[in-house]
Amino acid sequence: MTASAAPSRRLPVVLRNRAFGSVWAAQVLTQAAGRMFQVGVVWWLVGYAAGADRGLASGAFLAVSTLPAVALAPLVASLIARCPRRAVLGGAAAAAGLVAAGTAGWSYATALPMGVAYAAALLLAGCQAAFDPCLTTSVSELVEDRDIEEATGFELATQSLAGLAGGLLGPLVIDSWGLAGMVAGCAGAYLAAAALVGATRFPRAATGPAEQAAARRTLRQILADLPFVRRILLCFAAANLFTTAVFVVMPLYTRSVLHADGSTVAALEAALGLGTLVGSFTGPRLPGRPTAVGAGCLALMAAALGLPGLLPAQAAAVGALAVAGWCVGVIGVRFVALFQRLVPSGDRPGFFAVMQALLGATFPLSSLVFGVLGDLLSPRTLCLVQAVGLVPVAVALWWLGRGRYAAAPDADADAVPAGAGR
């Protein structure tokens, strides 16, 4: 190692790898724009447009925003496998920019019908459903193998950055510049992301025969060949039923238990987002195999989510969500990096599309179930239900890893020999 090489290797991967840094910045812009659009339109519906049906209108809007990731998974997998990554990423961002620009122009010219807002949300979510798994698939093409975990940490951190930006900017821009100004800002972010991707060269980009053959494999076939990975996904799908309920439980908890206002909800969301951001960057440094780390994080998350149910105080709730967010960040970076290595390169486009669909499908179900329970049980009880529900999932994930590594004690924590993931 030369003296000049040492400082550059200490730089974050987004600074020493310009291609990955540009594409990551594009993801920050697209996810921040998408989140700002969602939060801003919900605030517009609740505060200005929906009248007495604001609850139903905002709930239906959020449900519409989750559908493309589930419904389009087979199409997205085929698209990513058959087309150059840069074309998919740039095309998705540009299409979203055009949709947002058209919506902004319509809302500037006249009052925007709610149906148009719903349609725009559906189209924008569809573009994001193509962008996110394509970027996840592209990580191994943009960075060297030793940088995969760090790059994955940056990629997953965008969700925290987008949540913070969208949660803060969406309502503020709606109140200051109206719906047209908010959507115009989203359009600018999407188009800037498209320009960044278009100017980026993918150093190891290729769609060779292996990926062309994988494009003809169904998602069922891909998961059937990866039983260990499939069981991990099922564990996290079950965990998501309880973890994503926090977006329903915390507003109820704030109003009914803390008797506080929207600024407290914002503080809770910020704690969750910042915790996830920190977890995304500290996760790769934790020792232990991914399944052991994941099981420990799920157990810690169960304790954190249950704490506000036992100790009704704002400080406890903020601290608990910060810890829960940290666990989410650690789990995300460790397991997505693991999947990058376990899943054959030709199957990654289909796999990451189905992963996004499987994990995203639990959000509307969780919202519906805990929304109904919120009318029957106190928010403190719901916190305890979340905690209790995560415990068996943590045990199942630990047992899954114990069985795997007992059978292959020499397997590395993050890499296995060819075929061992099958």
Protein backbone atom coordinates (compact mmCIF):
# COMPACT_ATOMS: atom_id res chain seq x y z
CA MET A 1 0.00 0.00 0.00
CA THR A 2 1.41 3.37 -0.95
CA ALA A 3 1.20 6.49 1.16
CA SER A 4 -1.00 8.18 -1.41
CA ALA A 5 -3.42 5.24 -1.52
CA ALA A 6 -3.95 5.09 2.25
CA PRO A 7 -5.92 8.35 2.63
CA SER A 8 -8.25 7.55 -0.28
CA ARG A 9 -9.11 4.16 1.23
CA ARG A 10 -10.12 5.88 4.44
CA LEU A 11 -12.63 8.03 2.57
CA PRO A 12 -16.27 6.87 2.45
CA VAL A 13 -17.08 4.80 -0.61
CA VAL A 14 -19.34 7.54 -1.98
CA LEU A 15 -16.31 9.85 -2.18
CA ARG A 16 -13.65 7.50 -3.47
CA ASN A 17 -16.00 5.79 -5.98
CA ARG A 18 -17.53 8.54 -8.14
CA ALA A 19 -19.84 6.19 -10.04
CA PHE A 20 -21.44 4.83 -6.88
CA GLY A 21 -21.53 8.28 -5.29
CA SER A 22 -23.46 9.72 -8.22
CA VAL A 23 -25.97 6.87 -8.33
CA TRP A 24 -26.39 6.99 -4.56
CA ALA A 25 -27.06 10.75 -4.74
CA ALA A 26 -29.67 9.99 -7.39
CA GLN A 27 -31.36 7.53 -5.06
CA VAL A 28 -31.36 10.12 -2.26
CA LEU A 29 -33.10 12.56 -4.60
CA THR A 30 -35.70 10.07 -5.87
CA GLN A 31 -36.59 8.67 -2.46
CA ALA A 32 -36.69 12.12 -0.86
CA ALA A 33 -38.96 13.35 -3.66
CA GLY A 34 -41.19 10.30 -3.32
CA ARG A 35 -41.45 10.67 0.44
CA MET A 36 -42.08 14.41 0.21
CA PHE A 37 -44.84 13.75 -2.32
CA GLN A 38 -46.48 11.15 -0.06
CA VAL A 39 -46.30 13.17 3.16
CA GLY A 40 -47.17 16.42 1.40
CA VAL A 41 -50.22 15.02 -0.36
CA VAL A 42 -51.44 13.35 2.86
CA TRP A 43 -51.19 16.74 4.58
CA TRP A 44 -52.96 18.37 1.62
CA LEU A 45 -55.77 15.79 1.86
CA VAL A 46 -56.12 16.10 5.62
CA GLY A 47 -55.80 19.87 5.83
CA TYR A 48 -57.31 21.15 2.60
CA ALA A 49 -58.97 18.76 0.19
CA ALA A 50 -60.69 15.75 1.75
CA GLY A 51 -63.10 17.38 4.19
CA ALA A 52 -64.81 15.00 6.63
CA ASP A 53 -63.41 11.91 4.88
CA ARG A 54 -59.79 12.82 5.56
CA GLY A 55 -58.99 9.55 7.34
CA LEU A 56 -60.31 7.34 4.56
CA ALA A 57 -58.79 9.55 1.86
CA SER A 58 -55.29 9.60 3.38
CA GLY A 59 -55.38 5.87 4.20
CA ALA A 60 -56.42 4.98 0.67
CA PHE A 61 -53.70 7.24 -0.73
CA LEU A 62 -50.99 5.48 1.28
CA ALA A 63 -52.36 2.08 0.26
CA VAL A 64 -52.21 3.09 -3.41
CA SER A 65 -48.60 4.17 -2.93
CA THR A 66 -47.60 0.66 -1.78
CA LEU A 67 -49.25 -1.32 -4.58
CA PRO A 68 -46.69 -1.01 -7.42
CA ALA A 69 -43.83 -2.59 -5.46
CA VAL A 70 -45.99 -5.70 -5.01
CA ALA A 71 -47.92 -5.83 -8.27
CA LEU A 72 -45.03 -5.00 -10.58
CA ALA A 73 -42.41 -7.31 -9.06
CA PRO A 74 -42.34 -9.85 -11.96
CA LEU A 75 -42.22 -7.08 -14.57
CA VAL A 76 -39.51 -5.17 -12.70
CA ALA A 77 -37.41 -8.32 -12.32
CA SER A 78 -37.56 -9.02 -16.05
CA LEU A 79 -36.84 -5.39 -16.91
CA ILE A 80 -33.76 -5.23 -14.69
CA ALA A 81 -32.44 -8.55 -16.00
CA ARG A 82 -32.87 -7.69 -19.69
CA CYS A 83 -31.95 -4.01 -19.82
CA PRO A 84 -28.78 -2.08 -18.91
CA ARG A 85 -28.89 -0.88 -15.31
CA ARG A 86 -28.16 2.72 -16.22
CA ALA A 87 -31.06 2.75 -18.69
CA VAL A 88 -33.48 1.41 -16.06
CA LEU A 89 -32.34 3.82 -13.36
CA GLY A 90 -32.24 6.87 -15.62
CA GLY A 91 -35.50 6.00 -17.34
CA ALA A 92 -37.36 5.48 -14.04
CA ALA A 93 -36.11 8.80 -12.62
CA ALA A 94 -36.89 10.69 -15.85
CA ALA A 95 -40.38 9.18 -16.09
CA ALA A 96 -41.09 10.14 -12.48
CA GLY A 97 -39.87 13.67 -13.21
CA LEU A 98 -42.22 14.01 -16.16
CA VAL A 99 -45.19 12.68 -14.14
CA ALA A 100 -44.45 15.10 -11.30
CA ALA A 101 -43.95 18.02 -13.69
CA GLY A 102 -47.27 17.31 -15.38
CA THR A 103 -49.03 17.05 -12.03
CA ALA A 104 -47.45 20.31 -10.87
CA GLY A 105 -48.59 22.08 -14.04
CA TRP A 106 -52.13 20.78 -13.64
CA SER A 107 -52.32 21.83 -9.98
CA TYR A 108 -50.92 25.27 -10.87
CA ALA A 109 -53.51 25.80 -13.62
CA THR A 110 -56.53 24.62 -11.64
CA ALA A 111 -57.59 22.80 -8.50
CA LEU A 112 -56.20 19.28 -8.70
CA PRO A 113 -58.83 16.53 -8.45
CA MET A 114 -58.05 13.97 -5.78
CA GLY A 115 -58.24 11.22 -8.38
CA VAL A 116 -55.34 12.79 -10.27
CA ALA A 117 -53.28 12.91 -7.07
CA TYR A 118 -53.98 9.20 -6.55
CA ALA A 119 -53.02 8.40 -10.15
CA ALA A 120 -49.81 10.41 -9.84
CA ALA A 121 -48.94 8.57 -6.63
CA LEU A 122 -49.47 5.25 -8.39
CA LEU A 123 -47.20 6.22 -11.30
CA LEU A 124 -44.47 7.68 -9.09
CA ALA A 125 -44.49 4.60 -6.85
CA GLY A 126 -44.21 2.45 -9.97
CA CYS A 127 -41.10 4.34 -11.06
CA GLN A 128 -39.59 3.99 -7.59
CA ALA A 129 -40.44 0.26 -7.61
CA ALA A 130 -38.13 -0.07 -10.61
CA PHE A 131 -35.40 2.28 -9.37
CA ASP A 132 -34.76 0.84 -5.90
CA PRO A 133 -34.25 -2.88 -6.68
CA CYS A 134 -32.25 -1.94 -9.77
CA LEU A 135 -29.83 0.08 -7.66
CA THR A 136 -29.57 -2.74 -5.12
CA THR A 137 -28.76 -5.13 -7.96
CA SER A 138 -26.20 -2.67 -9.36
CA VAL A 139 -24.12 -2.31 -6.19
CA SER A 140 -21.83 -5.21 -7.15
CA GLU A 141 -21.30 -3.57 -10.56
CA LEU A 142 -20.37 -0.19 -9.10
CA VAL A 143 -18.08 -1.15 -6.21
CA GLU A 144 -15.45 -3.77 -5.44
CA ASP A 145 -16.38 -6.78 -3.30
CA ARG A 146 -14.71 -5.41 -0.16
CA ASP A 147 -16.87 -2.28 -0.37
CA ILE A 148 -20.24 -4.05 -0.74
CA GLU A 149 -21.28 -3.72 2.91
CA GLU A 150 -20.29 -0.05 3.13
CA ALA A 151 -22.04 0.72 -0.16
CA THR A 152 -25.12 -1.16 1.02
CA GLY A 153 -25.08 0.90 4.20
CA PHE A 154 -25.14 4.12 2.19
CA GLU A 155 -27.89 2.75 -0.05
CA LEU A 156 -30.10 1.77 2.89
CA ALA A 157 -29.38 5.08 4.64
CA THR A 158 -31.26 6.88 1.89
CA GLN A 159 -34.53 5.68 3.42
CA SER A 160 -33.70 7.48 6.65
CA LEU A 161 -32.57 10.62 4.82
CA ALA A 162 -35.67 10.55 2.64
CA GLY A 163 -37.95 10.01 5.62
CA LEU A 164 -36.45 12.96 7.46
CA ALA A 165 -36.51 15.24 4.43
CA GLY A 166 -39.98 14.26 3.31
CA GLY A 167 -41.52 14.33 6.77
CA LEU A 168 -40.20 17.83 7.40
CA LEU A 169 -40.44 19.44 3.96
CA GLY A 170 -43.71 18.01 2.65
CA PRO A 171 -46.16 19.74 5.01
CA LEU A 172 -44.02 22.89 5.25
CA VAL A 173 -43.89 23.37 1.48
CA ILE A 174 -47.62 22.66 1.15
CA ASP A 175 -48.39 25.39 3.70
CA SER A 176 -45.96 27.86 2.11
CA TRP A 177 -46.22 27.27 -1.63
CA GLY A 178 -49.22 25.01 -2.02
CA LEU A 179 -49.55 21.68 -3.77
CA ALA A 180 -48.12 22.99 -7.05
CA GLY A 181 -44.91 24.21 -5.39
CA MET A 182 -44.42 20.94 -3.53
CA VAL A 183 -44.92 18.76 -6.62
CA ALA A 184 -42.68 21.05 -8.70
CA GLY A 185 -39.90 20.51 -6.15
CA CYS A 186 -40.39 16.77 -6.50
CA ALA A 187 -40.16 17.06 -10.29
CA GLY A 188 -36.87 18.96 -10.03
CA ALA A 189 -35.40 16.30 -7.73
CA TYR A 190 -36.44 13.45 -10.05
CA LEU A 191 -35.01 15.15 -13.14
CA ALA A 192 -31.76 15.96 -11.33
CA ALA A 193 -31.49 12.28 -10.38
CA ALA A 194 -32.00 11.26 -14.02
CA ALA A 195 -29.22 13.63 -15.07
CA LEU A 196 -26.84 12.19 -12.47
CA VAL A 197 -27.47 8.62 -13.63
CA GLY A 198 -27.15 9.60 -17.26
CA ALA A 199 -23.72 11.10 -16.64
CA THR A 200 -22.46 8.02 -14.75
CA ARG A 201 -20.47 5.18 -16.27
CA PHE A 202 -21.05 1.72 -14.80
CA PRO A 203 -17.55 0.17 -14.76
CA ARG A 204 -18.65 -3.46 -14.54
CA ALA A 205 -22.07 -3.23 -16.16
CA ALA A 206 -23.09 -6.27 -18.16
CA THR A 207 -26.17 -8.28 -19.05
CA GLY A 208 -24.54 -11.51 -20.14
CA PRO A 209 -25.98 -14.92 -20.94
CA ALA A 210 -26.44 -15.80 -17.27
CA GLU A 211 -28.72 -12.83 -16.66
CA GLN A 212 -30.55 -13.34 -19.93
CA ALA A 213 -31.27 -16.92 -18.86
CA ALA A 214 -32.31 -15.72 -15.39
CA ALA A 215 -34.82 -13.36 -16.98
CA ARG A 216 -36.68 -16.45 -18.17
CA ARG A 217 -36.79 -17.93 -14.65
CA THR A 218 -39.87 -17.20 -12.59
CA LEU A 219 -39.64 -15.64 -9.15
CA ARG A 220 -40.94 -18.89 -7.68
CA GLN A 221 -38.04 -20.77 -9.30
CA ILE A 222 -35.50 -18.29 -7.99
CA LEU A 223 -36.70 -18.60 -4.39
CA ALA A 224 -37.09 -22.38 -4.67
CA ASP A 225 -33.35 -22.63 -5.34
CA LEU A 226 -32.50 -20.51 -2.27
CA PRO A 227 -34.20 -22.17 0.73
CA PHE A 228 -31.99 -20.50 3.36
CA VAL A 229 -32.54 -17.05 1.87
CA ARG A 230 -36.26 -17.75 1.43
CA ARG A 231 -36.65 -18.59 5.12
CA ILE A 232 -34.83 -15.39 6.09
CA LEU A 233 -37.23 -13.36 3.95
CA LEU A 234 -40.23 -15.05 5.57
CA CYS A 235 -38.83 -14.18 9.01
CA PHE A 236 -38.50 -10.53 8.08
CA ALA A 237 -41.92 -10.44 6.43
CA ALA A 238 -43.36 -11.67 9.73
CA ALA A 239 -41.30 -9.11 11.67
CA ASN A 240 -42.54 -6.31 9.42
CA LEU A 241 -46.12 -7.01 10.47
CA PHE A 242 -45.15 -5.71 13.90
CA THR A 243 -42.39 -3.20 13.15
CA THR A 244 -44.21 -1.19 10.46
CA ALA A 245 -47.20 -0.87 12.81
CA VAL A 246 -45.18 1.86 14.53
CA PHE A 247 -46.47 4.33 11.93
CA VAL A 248 -50.00 3.63 13.16
CA VAL A 249 -49.28 3.20 16.86
CA MET A 250 -47.10 6.27 17.47
CA PRO A 251 -49.62 8.91 16.36
CA LEU A 252 -52.27 7.20 18.52
CA TYR A 253 -49.80 7.04 21.41
CA THR A 254 -48.90 10.70 21.00
CA ARG A 255 -52.51 11.86 21.11
CA SER A 256 -54.00 9.46 23.67
CA VAL A 257 -51.12 8.77 26.06
CA LEU A 258 -48.74 11.74 25.78
CA HIS A 259 -51.55 14.24 24.96
CA ALA A 260 -49.11 16.05 22.68
CA ASP A 261 -49.26 17.67 19.24
CA GLY A 262 -47.73 17.15 15.83
CA SER A 263 -44.30 18.37 16.88
CA THR A 264 -44.03 15.33 19.11
CA VAL A 265 -44.93 13.04 16.23
CA ALA A 266 -42.19 14.74 14.20
CA ALA A 267 -39.70 14.18 17.05
CA LEU A 268 -40.61 10.49 17.18
CA GLU A 269 -40.22 10.10 13.42
CA ALA A 270 -36.89 11.94 13.54
CA ALA A 271 -35.65 9.62 16.30
CA LEU A 272 -36.62 6.58 14.23
CA GLY A 273 -34.97 7.97 11.10
CA LEU A 274 -31.75 9.04 12.80
CA GLY A 275 -31.49 5.68 14.55
CA THR A 276 -31.85 3.90 11.22
CA LEU A 277 -29.21 6.14 9.68
CA VAL A 278 -26.72 5.38 12.45
CA GLY A 279 -27.51 1.67 12.26
CA SER A 280 -26.88 1.61 8.52
CA PHE A 281 -23.32 2.84 9.03
CA THR A 282 -22.46 0.96 12.24
CA GLY A 283 -24.00 -2.38 11.20
CA PRO A 284 -21.01 -3.60 9.15
CA ARG A 285 -18.71 -3.11 12.16
CA LEU A 286 -20.68 -5.42 14.48
CA PRO A 287 -19.08 -8.83 15.00
CA GLY A 288 -20.98 -12.06 14.48
CA ARG A 289 -22.86 -13.87 11.76
CA PRO A 290 -25.79 -12.03 10.15
CA THR A 291 -28.43 -14.38 11.61
CA ALA A 292 -27.06 -13.97 15.14
CA VAL A 293 -26.84 -10.20 14.77
CA GLY A 294 -30.31 -10.08 13.23
CA ALA A 295 -31.88 -12.17 15.98
CA GLY A 296 -30.25 -10.02 18.63
CA CYS A 297 -31.46 -6.85 16.95
CA LEU A 298 -35.03 -8.18 16.71
CA ALA A 299 -34.95 -9.03 20.43
CA LEU A 300 -33.61 -5.57 21.26
CA MET A 301 -36.25 -4.00 19.02
CA ALA A 302 -38.96 -5.95 20.85
CA ALA A 303 -37.75 -4.51 24.15
CA ALA A 304 -37.55 -1.00 22.69
CA LEU A 305 -41.04 -1.06 21.16
CA GLY A 306 -42.50 -2.45 24.38
CA LEU A 307 -40.89 0.19 26.61
CA PRO A 308 -43.43 2.99 25.84
CA GLY A 309 -46.19 0.57 26.83
CA LEU A 310 -44.63 0.11 30.26
CA LEU A 311 -43.25 3.64 30.76
CA PRO A 312 -45.60 6.32 29.33
CA ALA A 313 -43.20 9.22 28.85
CA GLN A 314 -42.06 11.19 25.82
CA ALA A 315 -38.37 10.69 26.57
CA ALA A 316 -38.89 6.94 26.79
CA ALA A 317 -40.75 6.90 23.48
CA VAL A 318 -38.08 8.96 21.70
CA GLY A 319 -35.29 6.78 23.05
CA ALA A 320 -37.16 3.59 22.23
CA LEU A 321 -37.72 4.62 18.62
CA ALA A 322 -34.08 5.65 18.24
CA VAL A 323 -33.02 2.17 19.40
CA ALA A 324 -35.62 0.49 17.18
CA GLY A 325 -34.41 2.52 14.20
CA TRP A 326 -30.81 1.53 14.91
CA CYS A 327 -31.84 -2.13 14.87
CA VAL A 328 -33.63 -1.66 11.54
CA GLY A 329 -30.53 -0.06 10.03
CA VAL A 330 -28.21 -2.81 11.25
CA ILE A 331 -30.49 -5.59 10.01
CA GLY A 332 -30.89 -3.94 6.63
CA VAL A 333 -27.21 -3.45 5.88
CA ARG A 334 -26.10 -6.86 7.15
CA PHE A 335 -28.72 -8.89 5.32
CA VAL A 336 -28.77 -7.02 2.02
CA ALA A 337 -24.98 -7.41 1.90
CA LEU A 338 -25.42 -11.11 2.70
CA PHE A 339 -27.94 -11.48 -0.13
CA GLN A 340 -25.57 -9.73 -2.51
CA ARG A 341 -23.16 -12.61 -1.93
CA LEU A 342 -25.53 -15.56 -1.54
CA VAL A 343 -27.79 -14.89 -4.52
CA PRO A 344 -26.25 -15.79 -7.92
CA SER A 345 -25.59 -12.73 -10.05
CA GLY A 346 -28.03 -13.81 -12.74
CA ASP A 347 -30.86 -14.14 -10.21
CA ARG A 348 -30.29 -10.85 -8.38
CA PRO A 349 -32.65 -8.71 -10.50
CA GLY A 350 -35.56 -11.06 -9.83
CA PHE A 351 -34.58 -11.66 -6.24
CA PHE A 352 -34.36 -8.03 -5.16
CA ALA A 353 -37.64 -7.25 -6.90
CA VAL A 354 -39.43 -10.06 -5.07
CA MET A 355 -37.71 -9.06 -1.80
CA GLN A 356 -39.10 -5.55 -2.11
CA ALA A 357 -42.54 -6.92 -3.00
CA LEU A 358 -42.63 -9.45 -0.15
CA LEU A 359 -41.52 -7.01 2.52
CA GLY A 360 -43.62 -4.15 1.14
CA ALA A 361 -46.79 -6.27 1.02
CA THR A 362 -46.90 -6.41 4.82
CA PHE A 363 -47.23 -2.63 5.23
CA PRO A 364 -50.90 -2.26 4.21
CA LEU A 365 -51.83 -5.43 6.14
CA SER A 366 -50.05 -4.19 9.25
CA SER A 367 -51.68 -0.77 8.95
CA LEU A 368 -55.13 -2.31 8.60
CA VAL A 369 -54.75 -4.78 11.48
CA PHE A 370 -53.27 -2.32 13.96
CA GLY A 371 -55.65 0.39 12.80
CA VAL A 372 -58.59 -1.84 13.72
CA LEU A 373 -56.93 -2.86 16.98
CA GLY A 374 -56.39 0.83 17.74
CA ASP A 375 -60.15 1.23 18.06
CA LEU A 376 -60.33 -1.70 20.51
CA LEU A 377 -57.13 -1.50 22.58
CA SER A 378 -55.14 1.30 24.19
CA PRO A 379 -51.94 2.49 22.45
CA ARG A 380 -49.88 1.22 25.40
CA THR A 381 -51.31 -2.26 24.84
CA LEU A 382 -50.50 -2.03 21.13
CA CYS A 383 -46.86 -1.29 22.01
CA LEU A 384 -46.77 -4.50 24.04
CA VAL A 385 -48.43 -6.44 21.21
CA GLN A 386 -45.64 -5.29 18.89
CA ALA A 387 -43.01 -6.42 21.39
CA VAL A 388 -44.57 -9.82 22.00
CA GLY A 389 -45.01 -10.43 18.27
CA LEU A 390 -41.31 -9.88 17.54
CA VAL A 391 -40.02 -12.36 20.12
CA PRO A 392 -40.89 -15.59 18.25
CA VAL A 393 -39.52 -14.10 15.03
CA ALA A 394 -36.19 -13.37 16.76
CA VAL A 395 -36.09 -16.95 18.07
CA ALA A 396 -36.92 -18.34 14.61
CA LEU A 397 -34.14 -16.33 12.95
CA TRP A 398 -31.60 -17.40 15.57
CA TRP A 399 -32.64 -21.05 15.18
CA LEU A 400 -32.42 -20.78 11.40
CA GLY A 401 -28.85 -19.51 11.56
CA ARG A 402 -27.89 -22.04 14.22
CA GLY A 403 -29.04 -24.92 12.03
CA ARG A 404 -27.27 -23.59 8.96
CA TYR A 405 -23.92 -22.87 10.53
CA ALA A 406 -24.01 -26.07 12.60
CA ALA A 407 -24.18 -27.92 9.30
CA ALA A 408 -21.37 -25.76 7.81
CA PRO A 409 -19.26 -24.54 10.78
CA ASP A 410 -16.51 -23.18 8.56
CA ALA A 411 -18.86 -20.98 6.50
CA ASP A 412 -17.98 -17.31 6.64
CA ALA A 413 -20.46 -14.88 8.16
CA ASP A 414 -21.06 -13.05 4.92
CA ALA A 415 -19.93 -15.36 2.17
CA VAL A 416 -20.39 -19.03 1.35
CA PRO A 417 -18.93 -21.35 -1.23
CA ALA A 418 -20.65 -21.60 -4.57
CA GLY A 419 -23.93 -23.42 -4.22
CA ALA A 420 -24.02 -23.30 -0.41
CA GLY A 421 -26.90 -20.90 -0.40
CA ARG A 422 -29.04 -23.41 -2.24
